[in-house]
Amino acid sequence: MTLYDIDKRFNNLMEFGVDSDTGECVETDEDFKRLYDEIQMDLNDKIENSAKLIKNVTADIEEFKKEEDKLKHRREVKEHLVERVKRMIDGYIKNLYTDENGVVDYDKLNKYKFDRTAAKISYRKSDSLSLTEISQVPKQYIKSITVSGENLTPNIISENIMSLTEKDIDKAGIKKDIKNGVKVKGAEIVNNYNMQIK
């Protein structure tokens, strides 16, 4: 989109200074300055043409932003569709291993295999730490944090327990200890069964 006609030398500078296909600068600042300085014209004309160049390029940038927004929206719609269909397939498969009480037999689910030319589906077992009650987590797992400008350490954390969030907890330390047989209040390891499509 061209708003203003500008001096051909400025158009050439635009081509030299910017890759017209990618929009990336292909010259160093020193080279750009040299090319810019080489344009000989009246100072006011140079300033006017420079301003026109800026407006033209800014208009291009705005068009790029609009296209980026459109592409982002289209990507998000497609991502949402993929997740929807995945949930549907996951639901159908889990239903095969669910009893009349709604309990899924995860041992059998973990052995499920779908193997066709177009797609292979299986389940991968993983685990994650779930903080069931942050206020119950022992003090030794609470990192030093800052609340309202005050540095909190495990010695005074109980006074500010409501300020804690998951990022203030040493989740890796808790997970390691639980796996080693230590019972940690307010935390548990949860098994996840994630569907894989290849």
N, C-alpha and C. Protein backbone atom coordinates (compact mmCIF):
# COMPACT_ATOMS: atom_id res chain seq x y z
N MET A 1 0.86 -1.20 0.00
CA MET A 1 0.00 0.00 0.00
C MET A 1 0.89 1.24 0.00
N THR A 2 0.79 2.05 -1.06
CA THR A 2 1.63 3.24 -1.16
C THR A 2 0.77 4.48 -0.94
N LEU A 3 1.14 5.25 0.06
CA LEU A 3 0.41 6.48 0.36
C LEU A 3 0.94 7.67 -0.42
N TYR A 4 2.26 7.72 -0.56
CA TYR A 4 2.90 8.89 -1.16
C TYR A 4 3.90 8.45 -2.22
N ASP A 5 4.01 9.26 -3.30
CA ASP A 5 5.10 9.07 -4.25
C ASP A 5 6.33 9.72 -3.63
N ILE A 6 7.41 8.96 -3.62
CA ILE A 6 8.65 9.53 -3.07
C ILE A 6 9.76 9.43 -4.11
N ASP A 7 10.80 10.19 -3.89
CA ASP A 7 11.96 10.21 -4.78
C ASP A 7 12.46 8.79 -5.03
N LYS A 8 12.79 8.51 -6.28
CA LYS A 8 13.24 7.16 -6.66
C LYS A 8 14.43 6.70 -5.83
N ARG A 9 15.27 7.65 -5.43
CA ARG A 9 16.45 7.28 -4.62
C ARG A 9 16.04 6.73 -3.26
N PHE A 10 14.94 7.26 -2.72
CA PHE A 10 14.45 6.74 -1.44
C PHE A 10 13.84 5.35 -1.61
N ASN A 11 13.16 5.17 -2.76
CA ASN A 11 12.66 3.82 -3.05
C ASN A 11 13.80 2.82 -3.17
N ASN A 12 14.88 3.24 -3.82
CA ASN A 12 16.05 2.37 -3.94
C ASN A 12 16.64 2.08 -2.56
N LEU A 13 16.67 3.10 -1.73
CA LEU A 13 17.18 2.92 -0.37
C LEU A 13 16.33 1.90 0.37
N MET A 14 15.02 1.99 0.16
CA MET A 14 14.13 1.06 0.83
C MET A 14 14.46 -0.37 0.36
N GLU A 15 14.72 -0.52 -0.93
CA GLU A 15 15.05 -1.84 -1.46
C GLU A 15 16.41 -2.31 -0.94
N PHE A 16 17.37 -1.41 -0.87
CA PHE A 16 18.69 -1.79 -0.37
C PHE A 16 18.66 -2.08 1.13
N GLY A 17 17.88 -1.28 1.85
CA GLY A 17 17.88 -1.39 3.30
C GLY A 17 17.02 -2.50 3.85
N VAL A 18 16.02 -2.91 3.06
CA VAL A 18 15.08 -3.91 3.55
C VAL A 18 14.83 -4.95 2.48
N ASP A 19 14.88 -6.21 2.85
CA ASP A 19 14.53 -7.30 1.95
C ASP A 19 13.03 -7.22 1.69
N SER A 20 12.65 -6.98 0.42
CA SER A 20 11.24 -6.76 0.11
C SER A 20 10.39 -8.02 0.32
N ASP A 21 11.03 -9.21 0.33
CA ASP A 21 10.27 -10.45 0.54
C ASP A 21 10.06 -10.75 2.01
N THR A 22 11.09 -10.55 2.83
CA THR A 22 11.00 -10.94 4.24
C THR A 22 10.80 -9.76 5.18
N GLY A 23 11.10 -8.54 4.73
CA GLY A 23 11.00 -7.39 5.61
C GLY A 23 12.19 -7.26 6.54
N GLU A 24 13.18 -8.15 6.39
CA GLU A 24 14.35 -8.11 7.27
C GLU A 24 15.40 -7.14 6.73
N CYS A 25 16.06 -6.46 7.66
CA CYS A 25 17.15 -5.57 7.26
C CYS A 25 18.33 -6.42 6.78
N VAL A 26 18.84 -6.10 5.60
CA VAL A 26 19.93 -6.90 5.05
C VAL A 26 21.25 -6.14 5.03
N GLU A 27 21.20 -4.90 5.47
CA GLU A 27 22.42 -4.08 5.51
C GLU A 27 22.70 -3.68 6.96
N THR A 28 23.95 -3.38 7.23
CA THR A 28 24.32 -2.88 8.55
C THR A 28 23.85 -1.43 8.68
N ASP A 29 23.83 -0.94 9.92
CA ASP A 29 23.48 0.47 10.13
C ASP A 29 24.44 1.40 9.41
N GLU A 30 25.70 0.99 9.39
CA GLU A 30 26.72 1.82 8.72
C GLU A 30 26.45 1.91 7.22
N ASP A 31 26.09 0.76 6.62
CA ASP A 31 25.78 0.76 5.19
C ASP A 31 24.53 1.58 4.90
N PHE A 32 23.52 1.45 5.78
CA PHE A 32 22.29 2.21 5.59
C PHE A 32 22.58 3.70 5.66
N LYS A 33 23.39 4.10 6.66
CA LYS A 33 23.73 5.53 6.81
C LYS A 33 24.48 6.03 5.58
N ARG A 34 25.40 5.20 5.07
CA ARG A 34 26.18 5.60 3.89
C ARG A 34 25.25 5.81 2.70
N LEU A 35 24.33 4.88 2.47
CA LEU A 35 23.40 5.00 1.36
C LEU A 35 22.50 6.22 1.53
N TYR A 36 22.07 6.46 2.76
CA TYR A 36 21.20 7.59 3.05
C TYR A 36 21.94 8.91 2.81
N ASP A 37 23.19 8.96 3.29
CA ASP A 37 23.98 10.18 3.13
C ASP A 37 24.30 10.46 1.66
N GLU A 38 24.34 9.41 0.86
CA GLU A 38 24.69 9.57 -0.56
C GLU A 38 23.58 10.23 -1.36
N ILE A 39 22.40 10.27 -0.81
CA ILE A 39 21.29 10.92 -1.53
C ILE A 39 21.47 12.43 -1.41
N GLN A 40 21.81 13.06 -2.50
CA GLN A 40 22.08 14.48 -2.51
C GLN A 40 20.82 15.24 -2.94
N MET A 41 20.29 16.05 -2.04
CA MET A 41 19.15 16.93 -2.36
C MET A 41 19.03 17.99 -1.28
N ASP A 42 18.17 18.94 -1.55
CA ASP A 42 17.89 20.00 -0.59
C ASP A 42 17.44 19.37 0.73
N LEU A 43 17.91 19.92 1.86
CA LEU A 43 17.63 19.33 3.17
C LEU A 43 16.14 19.19 3.42
N ASN A 44 15.36 20.23 3.11
CA ASN A 44 13.91 20.16 3.34
C ASN A 44 13.26 19.07 2.49
N ASP A 45 13.73 18.93 1.24
CA ASP A 45 13.21 17.87 0.37
C ASP A 45 13.59 16.50 0.93
N LYS A 46 14.80 16.43 1.46
CA LYS A 46 15.26 15.15 2.03
C LYS A 46 14.41 14.78 3.25
N ILE A 47 14.14 15.77 4.09
CA ILE A 47 13.31 15.52 5.28
C ILE A 47 11.91 15.11 4.86
N GLU A 48 11.34 15.81 3.86
CA GLU A 48 9.98 15.50 3.39
C GLU A 48 9.92 14.08 2.83
N ASN A 49 10.90 13.73 1.98
CA ASN A 49 10.93 12.39 1.39
C ASN A 49 11.15 11.32 2.45
N SER A 50 11.96 11.65 3.46
CA SER A 50 12.17 10.71 4.56
C SER A 50 10.88 10.47 5.32
N ALA A 51 10.13 11.56 5.57
CA ALA A 51 8.86 11.45 6.28
C ALA A 51 7.87 10.62 5.46
N LYS A 52 7.85 10.87 4.13
CA LYS A 52 6.97 10.07 3.26
C LYS A 52 7.35 8.60 3.31
N LEU A 53 8.65 8.34 3.29
CA LEU A 53 9.14 6.95 3.37
C LEU A 53 8.65 6.29 4.66
N ILE A 54 8.80 7.03 5.77
CA ILE A 54 8.36 6.50 7.07
C ILE A 54 6.87 6.19 7.03
N LYS A 55 6.06 7.10 6.47
CA LYS A 55 4.61 6.88 6.41
C LYS A 55 4.27 5.68 5.53
N ASN A 56 4.96 5.55 4.40
CA ASN A 56 4.70 4.41 3.52
C ASN A 56 5.04 3.09 4.20
N VAL A 57 6.20 3.05 4.84
CA VAL A 57 6.63 1.82 5.50
C VAL A 57 5.74 1.51 6.70
N THR A 58 5.33 2.56 7.43
CA THR A 58 4.43 2.37 8.57
C THR A 58 3.10 1.79 8.10
N ALA A 59 2.61 2.25 6.95
CA ALA A 59 1.37 1.70 6.40
C ALA A 59 1.55 0.22 6.06
N ASP A 60 2.72 -0.13 5.51
CA ASP A 60 3.02 -1.54 5.23
C ASP A 60 3.00 -2.35 6.52
N ILE A 61 3.60 -1.79 7.57
CA ILE A 61 3.67 -2.49 8.86
C ILE A 61 2.26 -2.75 9.39
N GLU A 62 1.40 -1.76 9.27
CA GLU A 62 0.02 -1.92 9.74
C GLU A 62 -0.70 -3.02 8.96
N GLU A 63 -0.46 -3.09 7.66
CA GLU A 63 -1.05 -4.16 6.85
C GLU A 63 -0.51 -5.52 7.29
N PHE A 64 0.79 -5.58 7.57
CA PHE A 64 1.38 -6.84 8.05
C PHE A 64 0.73 -7.27 9.36
N LYS A 65 0.51 -6.29 10.25
CA LYS A 65 -0.11 -6.60 11.55
C LYS A 65 -1.50 -7.18 11.36
N LYS A 66 -2.27 -6.59 10.42
CA LYS A 66 -3.62 -7.10 10.16
C LYS A 66 -3.55 -8.54 9.67
N GLU A 67 -2.59 -8.81 8.76
CA GLU A 67 -2.44 -10.17 8.24
C GLU A 67 -2.01 -11.13 9.35
N GLU A 68 -1.11 -10.65 10.22
CA GLU A 68 -0.66 -11.48 11.34
C GLU A 68 -1.83 -11.82 12.26
N ASP A 69 -2.69 -10.82 12.52
CA ASP A 69 -3.85 -11.05 13.38
C ASP A 69 -4.79 -12.09 12.75
N LYS A 70 -4.98 -11.97 11.41
CA LYS A 70 -5.84 -12.93 10.72
C LYS A 70 -5.25 -14.34 10.81
N LEU A 71 -3.93 -14.43 10.57
CA LEU A 71 -3.27 -15.74 10.62
C LEU A 71 -3.31 -16.31 12.04
N LYS A 72 -3.10 -15.43 13.03
CA LYS A 72 -3.14 -15.89 14.42
C LYS A 72 -4.52 -16.45 14.75
N HIS A 73 -5.57 -15.74 14.31
CA HIS A 73 -6.94 -16.19 14.57
C HIS A 73 -7.19 -17.54 13.90
N ARG A 74 -6.77 -17.65 12.64
CA ARG A 74 -6.95 -18.92 11.92
C ARG A 74 -6.20 -20.05 12.60
N ARG A 75 -4.97 -19.76 13.07
CA ARG A 75 -4.17 -20.78 13.78
C ARG A 75 -4.89 -21.22 15.05
N GLU A 76 -5.39 -20.24 15.82
CA GLU A 76 -6.06 -20.56 17.09
C GLU A 76 -7.33 -21.38 16.85
N VAL A 77 -8.08 -21.06 15.78
CA VAL A 77 -9.28 -21.84 15.45
C VAL A 77 -8.89 -23.28 15.14
N LYS A 78 -7.83 -23.45 14.36
CA LYS A 78 -7.37 -24.81 14.01
C LYS A 78 -6.88 -25.55 15.25
N GLU A 79 -6.14 -24.86 16.13
CA GLU A 79 -5.66 -25.50 17.36
C GLU A 79 -6.84 -25.95 18.22
N HIS A 80 -7.86 -25.09 18.30
CA HIS A 80 -9.05 -25.42 19.10
C HIS A 80 -9.76 -26.64 18.51
N LEU A 81 -9.84 -26.69 17.18
CA LEU A 81 -10.46 -27.83 16.51
C LEU A 81 -9.72 -29.12 16.81
N VAL A 82 -8.37 -29.06 16.73
CA VAL A 82 -7.56 -30.25 17.03
C VAL A 82 -7.83 -30.73 18.45
N GLU A 83 -7.86 -29.82 19.41
CA GLU A 83 -8.09 -30.21 20.81
C GLU A 83 -9.49 -30.79 21.00
N ARG A 84 -10.48 -30.22 20.32
CA ARG A 84 -11.85 -30.74 20.40
C ARG A 84 -11.92 -32.19 19.91
N VAL A 85 -11.34 -32.42 18.72
CA VAL A 85 -11.40 -33.77 18.14
C VAL A 85 -10.60 -34.75 19.00
N LYS A 86 -9.45 -34.28 19.53
CA LYS A 86 -8.67 -35.15 20.43
C LYS A 86 -9.50 -35.56 21.64
N ARG A 87 -10.22 -34.59 22.22
CA ARG A 87 -11.06 -34.90 23.39
C ARG A 87 -12.14 -35.92 23.03
N MET A 88 -12.70 -35.79 21.83
CA MET A 88 -13.74 -36.73 21.40
C MET A 88 -13.16 -38.14 21.29
N ILE A 89 -12.03 -38.28 20.59
CA ILE A 89 -11.40 -39.60 20.43
C ILE A 89 -11.02 -40.17 21.80
N ASP A 90 -10.41 -39.33 22.62
CA ASP A 90 -9.99 -39.75 23.97
C ASP A 90 -11.20 -40.26 24.76
N GLY A 91 -12.32 -39.54 24.64
CA GLY A 91 -13.53 -39.94 25.35
C GLY A 91 -14.05 -41.29 24.87
N TYR A 92 -14.05 -41.50 23.56
CA TYR A 92 -14.52 -42.77 23.00
C TYR A 92 -13.66 -43.93 23.48
N ILE A 93 -12.34 -43.71 23.45
CA ILE A 93 -11.43 -44.79 23.84
C ILE A 93 -11.54 -45.08 25.34
N LYS A 94 -11.55 -44.02 26.16
CA LYS A 94 -11.65 -44.23 27.61
C LYS A 94 -12.96 -44.91 27.98
N ASN A 95 -14.02 -44.64 27.20
CA ASN A 95 -15.31 -45.26 27.46
C ASN A 95 -15.23 -46.79 27.33
N LEU A 96 -14.32 -47.28 26.48
CA LEU A 96 -14.14 -48.73 26.31
C LEU A 96 -13.63 -49.39 27.59
N TYR A 97 -12.93 -48.60 28.42
CA TYR A 97 -12.30 -49.15 29.63
C TYR A 97 -12.91 -48.58 30.91
N THR A 98 -14.13 -48.07 30.79
CA THR A 98 -14.83 -47.49 31.94
C THR A 98 -15.94 -48.42 32.41
N ASP A 99 -15.96 -48.71 33.72
CA ASP A 99 -17.01 -49.61 34.23
C ASP A 99 -18.31 -48.84 34.50
N GLU A 100 -19.30 -49.58 35.00
CA GLU A 100 -20.62 -48.97 35.21
C GLU A 100 -20.62 -47.88 36.28
N ASN A 101 -19.56 -47.84 37.10
CA ASN A 101 -19.44 -46.80 38.13
C ASN A 101 -18.65 -45.58 37.64
N GLY A 102 -18.28 -45.62 36.38
CA GLY A 102 -17.53 -44.49 35.81
C GLY A 102 -16.05 -44.52 36.12
N VAL A 103 -15.53 -45.66 36.57
CA VAL A 103 -14.10 -45.78 36.91
C VAL A 103 -13.35 -46.33 35.70
N VAL A 104 -12.30 -45.62 35.31
CA VAL A 104 -11.49 -46.03 34.16
C VAL A 104 -10.41 -47.01 34.61
N ASP A 105 -10.25 -48.10 33.88
CA ASP A 105 -9.17 -49.06 34.14
C ASP A 105 -7.93 -48.56 33.39
N TYR A 106 -7.11 -47.79 34.10
CA TYR A 106 -5.97 -47.15 33.46
C TYR A 106 -4.89 -48.14 33.06
N ASP A 107 -4.79 -49.26 33.74
CA ASP A 107 -3.80 -50.26 33.34
C ASP A 107 -4.10 -50.77 31.94
N LYS A 108 -5.38 -51.06 31.66
CA LYS A 108 -5.77 -51.51 30.32
C LYS A 108 -5.65 -50.38 29.31
N LEU A 109 -6.06 -49.18 29.73
CA LEU A 109 -5.98 -48.02 28.83
C LEU A 109 -4.55 -47.78 28.39
N ASN A 110 -3.61 -47.95 29.34
CA ASN A 110 -2.20 -47.71 29.04
C ASN A 110 -1.66 -48.70 28.00
N LYS A 111 -2.35 -49.85 27.82
CA LYS A 111 -1.92 -50.85 26.84
C LYS A 111 -2.65 -50.70 25.51
N TYR A 112 -3.56 -49.73 25.43
CA TYR A 112 -4.35 -49.55 24.21
C TYR A 112 -3.44 -49.16 23.04
N LYS A 113 -3.68 -49.80 21.89
CA LYS A 113 -2.93 -49.46 20.67
C LYS A 113 -3.91 -49.41 19.50
N PHE A 114 -3.83 -48.35 18.73
CA PHE A 114 -4.57 -48.24 17.48
C PHE A 114 -3.52 -48.09 16.40
N ASP A 115 -3.48 -49.01 15.45
CA ASP A 115 -2.40 -49.01 14.46
C ASP A 115 -2.97 -49.18 13.06
N ARG A 116 -3.10 -48.08 12.36
CA ARG A 116 -3.54 -48.10 10.96
C ARG A 116 -2.51 -47.33 10.15
N THR A 117 -2.62 -47.45 8.85
CA THR A 117 -1.65 -46.77 7.98
C THR A 117 -1.65 -45.26 8.19
N ALA A 118 -2.85 -44.69 8.33
CA ALA A 118 -2.96 -43.23 8.43
C ALA A 118 -2.63 -42.68 9.81
N ALA A 119 -2.81 -43.50 10.83
CA ALA A 119 -2.60 -42.99 12.20
C ALA A 119 -2.31 -44.10 13.18
N LYS A 120 -1.50 -43.76 14.16
CA LYS A 120 -1.22 -44.66 15.27
C LYS A 120 -1.57 -43.91 16.55
N ILE A 121 -2.34 -44.57 17.42
CA ILE A 121 -2.75 -43.93 18.67
C ILE A 121 -2.36 -44.83 19.83
N SER A 122 -1.80 -44.23 20.85
CA SER A 122 -1.46 -44.97 22.07
C SER A 122 -1.54 -44.00 23.23
N TYR A 123 -1.35 -44.53 24.43
CA TYR A 123 -1.37 -43.69 25.63
C TYR A 123 0.00 -43.75 26.31
N ARG A 124 0.42 -42.61 26.80
CA ARG A 124 1.69 -42.54 27.51
C ARG A 124 1.41 -42.11 28.94
N LYS A 125 1.92 -42.91 29.86
CA LYS A 125 1.73 -42.60 31.28
C LYS A 125 2.78 -41.59 31.72
N SER A 126 2.34 -40.58 32.45
CA SER A 126 3.26 -39.61 33.03
C SER A 126 2.72 -39.24 34.40
N ASP A 127 3.51 -38.54 35.17
CA ASP A 127 3.01 -38.10 36.46
C ASP A 127 3.33 -36.63 36.69
N SER A 128 2.53 -36.03 37.53
CA SER A 128 2.75 -34.62 37.85
C SER A 128 2.40 -34.40 39.32
N LEU A 129 2.94 -33.33 39.86
CA LEU A 129 2.67 -33.01 41.26
C LEU A 129 1.42 -32.16 41.35
N SER A 130 0.52 -32.53 42.23
CA SER A 130 -0.68 -31.74 42.48
C SER A 130 -0.61 -31.20 43.91
N LEU A 131 -0.72 -29.88 44.03
CA LEU A 131 -0.76 -29.26 45.36
C LEU A 131 -2.21 -29.16 45.78
N THR A 132 -2.62 -30.05 46.66
CA THR A 132 -4.02 -30.12 47.07
C THR A 132 -4.37 -29.04 48.09
N GLU A 133 -3.39 -28.62 48.89
CA GLU A 133 -3.63 -27.58 49.90
C GLU A 133 -2.31 -26.89 50.20
N ILE A 134 -2.09 -25.74 49.56
CA ILE A 134 -0.80 -25.04 49.69
C ILE A 134 -0.49 -24.69 51.14
N SER A 135 -1.52 -24.31 51.90
CA SER A 135 -1.28 -23.90 53.29
C SER A 135 -0.79 -25.06 54.17
N GLN A 136 -0.97 -26.31 53.70
CA GLN A 136 -0.53 -27.48 54.47
C GLN A 136 0.89 -27.93 54.11
N VAL A 137 1.45 -27.36 53.04
CA VAL A 137 2.78 -27.78 52.61
C VAL A 137 3.81 -27.40 53.68
N PRO A 138 4.65 -28.37 54.10
CA PRO A 138 5.66 -28.07 55.13
C PRO A 138 6.59 -26.92 54.74
N LYS A 139 7.02 -26.18 55.75
CA LYS A 139 7.82 -24.97 55.52
C LYS A 139 9.11 -25.22 54.76
N GLN A 140 9.70 -26.42 54.91
CA GLN A 140 10.98 -26.65 54.23
C GLN A 140 10.85 -26.66 52.71
N TYR A 141 9.60 -26.75 52.19
CA TYR A 141 9.40 -26.75 50.74
C TYR A 141 9.00 -25.37 50.21
N ILE A 142 8.97 -24.37 51.08
CA ILE A 142 8.60 -23.03 50.65
C ILE A 142 9.86 -22.23 50.36
N LYS A 143 9.91 -21.70 49.14
CA LYS A 143 11.07 -20.89 48.74
C LYS A 143 11.01 -19.54 49.45
N SER A 144 12.14 -18.85 49.49
CA SER A 144 12.15 -17.49 49.99
C SER A 144 11.46 -16.61 48.96
N ILE A 145 10.43 -15.87 49.38
CA ILE A 145 9.66 -15.04 48.45
C ILE A 145 9.56 -13.62 48.99
N THR A 146 9.04 -12.74 48.18
CA THR A 146 8.86 -11.36 48.61
C THR A 146 7.38 -11.01 48.51
N VAL A 147 6.81 -10.53 49.57
CA VAL A 147 5.42 -10.08 49.58
C VAL A 147 5.40 -8.68 50.18
N SER A 148 4.83 -7.74 49.45
CA SER A 148 4.72 -6.35 49.91
C SER A 148 6.08 -5.81 50.36
N GLY A 149 7.11 -6.13 49.61
CA GLY A 149 8.43 -5.60 49.90
C GLY A 149 9.17 -6.30 51.02
N GLU A 150 8.51 -7.24 51.70
CA GLU A 150 9.15 -7.92 52.82
C GLU A 150 9.65 -9.29 52.37
N ASN A 151 10.90 -9.59 52.64
CA ASN A 151 11.46 -10.88 52.27
C ASN A 151 11.00 -11.93 53.28
N LEU A 152 10.27 -12.94 52.79
CA LEU A 152 9.74 -13.96 53.67
C LEU A 152 10.58 -15.22 53.61
N THR A 153 10.88 -15.77 54.75
CA THR A 153 11.64 -17.01 54.84
C THR A 153 10.76 -18.03 55.54
N PRO A 154 11.13 -19.32 55.52
CA PRO A 154 10.29 -20.33 56.17
C PRO A 154 9.97 -20.03 57.64
N ASN A 155 10.81 -19.25 58.32
CA ASN A 155 10.56 -18.95 59.74
C ASN A 155 9.34 -18.08 59.96
N ILE A 156 9.03 -17.19 59.00
CA ILE A 156 7.90 -16.28 59.20
C ILE A 156 6.80 -16.49 58.16
N ILE A 157 6.93 -17.55 57.35
CA ILE A 157 5.98 -17.76 56.25
C ILE A 157 4.57 -18.02 56.74
N SER A 158 4.42 -18.63 57.92
CA SER A 158 3.08 -18.98 58.40
C SER A 158 2.20 -17.75 58.56
N GLU A 159 2.80 -16.58 58.81
CA GLU A 159 2.02 -15.36 58.95
C GLU A 159 1.45 -14.90 57.62
N ASN A 160 2.06 -15.37 56.52
CA ASN A 160 1.66 -14.90 55.18
C ASN A 160 1.24 -16.06 54.29
N ILE A 161 0.76 -17.14 54.88
CA ILE A 161 0.48 -18.36 54.14
C ILE A 161 -0.55 -18.13 53.04
N MET A 162 -1.47 -17.19 53.21
CA MET A 162 -2.50 -16.94 52.20
C MET A 162 -1.93 -16.27 50.96
N SER A 163 -0.71 -15.73 51.07
CA SER A 163 -0.09 -15.06 49.93
C SER A 163 0.61 -16.04 48.99
N LEU A 164 0.77 -17.27 49.44
CA LEU A 164 1.53 -18.24 48.65
C LEU A 164 0.79 -18.66 47.38
N THR A 165 1.57 -18.89 46.33
CA THR A 165 1.05 -19.48 45.11
C THR A 165 1.96 -20.66 44.76
N GLU A 166 1.60 -21.41 43.74
CA GLU A 166 2.38 -22.59 43.38
C GLU A 166 3.82 -22.24 43.05
N LYS A 167 4.06 -21.05 42.50
CA LYS A 167 5.43 -20.69 42.12
C LYS A 167 6.33 -20.49 43.33
N ASP A 168 5.74 -20.34 44.51
CA ASP A 168 6.53 -20.17 45.73
C ASP A 168 6.92 -21.50 46.36
N ILE A 169 6.45 -22.60 45.78
CA ILE A 169 6.68 -23.92 46.36
C ILE A 169 7.75 -24.66 45.57
N ASP A 170 8.61 -25.37 46.26
CA ASP A 170 9.64 -26.20 45.63
C ASP A 170 9.01 -27.50 45.16
N LYS A 171 8.32 -27.45 44.02
CA LYS A 171 7.57 -28.60 43.52
C LYS A 171 8.50 -29.76 43.15
N ALA A 172 9.66 -29.43 42.59
CA ALA A 172 10.60 -30.49 42.20
C ALA A 172 11.08 -31.25 43.43
N GLY A 173 11.36 -30.51 44.52
CA GLY A 173 11.81 -31.13 45.76
C GLY A 173 10.75 -32.01 46.37
N ILE A 174 9.50 -31.54 46.35
CA ILE A 174 8.39 -32.32 46.89
C ILE A 174 8.21 -33.60 46.08
N LYS A 175 8.21 -33.46 44.76
CA LYS A 175 8.00 -34.63 43.89
C LYS A 175 9.08 -35.68 44.11
N LYS A 176 10.31 -35.22 44.22
CA LYS A 176 11.43 -36.14 44.46
C LYS A 176 11.25 -36.87 45.79
N ASP A 177 10.89 -36.14 46.83
CA ASP A 177 10.72 -36.75 48.15
C ASP A 177 9.56 -37.75 48.17
N ILE A 178 8.44 -37.39 47.54
CA ILE A 178 7.30 -38.32 47.50
C ILE A 178 7.69 -39.60 46.79
N LYS A 179 8.43 -39.47 45.68
CA LYS A 179 8.85 -40.66 44.94
C LYS A 179 9.81 -41.52 45.77
N ASN A 180 10.48 -40.89 46.72
CA ASN A 180 11.39 -41.63 47.61
C ASN A 180 10.67 -42.14 48.87
N GLY A 181 9.34 -42.03 48.87
CA GLY A 181 8.57 -42.60 49.97
C GLY A 181 8.20 -41.64 51.08
N VAL A 182 8.55 -40.36 50.95
CA VAL A 182 8.22 -39.38 51.98
C VAL A 182 6.79 -38.89 51.77
N LYS A 183 6.00 -38.85 52.83
CA LYS A 183 4.65 -38.30 52.74
C LYS A 183 4.72 -36.80 52.99
N VAL A 184 4.19 -36.02 52.05
CA VAL A 184 4.23 -34.56 52.16
C VAL A 184 2.80 -34.04 52.22
N LYS A 185 2.47 -33.35 53.30
CA LYS A 185 1.12 -32.80 53.46
C LYS A 185 0.83 -31.78 52.37
N GLY A 186 -0.41 -31.79 51.92
CA GLY A 186 -0.85 -30.79 50.95
C GLY A 186 -0.39 -31.06 49.53
N ALA A 187 0.19 -32.24 49.27
CA ALA A 187 0.69 -32.54 47.93
C ALA A 187 0.56 -34.02 47.63
N GLU A 188 0.39 -34.31 46.35
CA GLU A 188 0.34 -35.71 45.92
C GLU A 188 0.78 -35.80 44.47
N ILE A 189 1.24 -36.99 44.09
CA ILE A 189 1.61 -37.23 42.70
C ILE A 189 0.41 -37.83 41.99
N VAL A 190 0.06 -37.24 40.86
CA VAL A 190 -1.09 -37.68 40.08
C VAL A 190 -0.58 -38.31 38.78
N ASN A 191 -1.10 -39.49 38.47
CA ASN A 191 -0.76 -40.16 37.21
C ASN A 191 -1.64 -39.62 36.09
N ASN A 192 -1.03 -39.33 34.97
CA ASN A 192 -1.75 -38.85 33.80
C ASN A 192 -1.57 -39.85 32.66
N TYR A 193 -2.59 -40.01 31.86
CA TYR A 193 -2.53 -40.91 30.72
C TYR A 193 -2.84 -40.07 29.47
N ASN A 194 -1.79 -39.72 28.76
CA ASN A 194 -1.92 -38.78 27.65
C ASN A 194 -1.98 -39.53 26.31
N MET A 195 -3.00 -39.20 25.54
CA MET A 195 -3.16 -39.83 24.24
C MET A 195 -2.13 -39.26 23.26
N GLN A 196 -1.47 -40.16 22.55
CA GLN A 196 -0.48 -39.76 21.54
C GLN A 196 -0.99 -40.16 20.17
N ILE A 197 -0.97 -39.22 19.22
CA ILE A 197 -1.36 -39.52 17.84
C ILE A 197 -0.16 -39.27 16.94
N LYS A 198 0.18 -40.30 16.19
CA LYS A 198 1.32 -40.18 15.25
C LYS A 198 0.89 -40.56 13.85
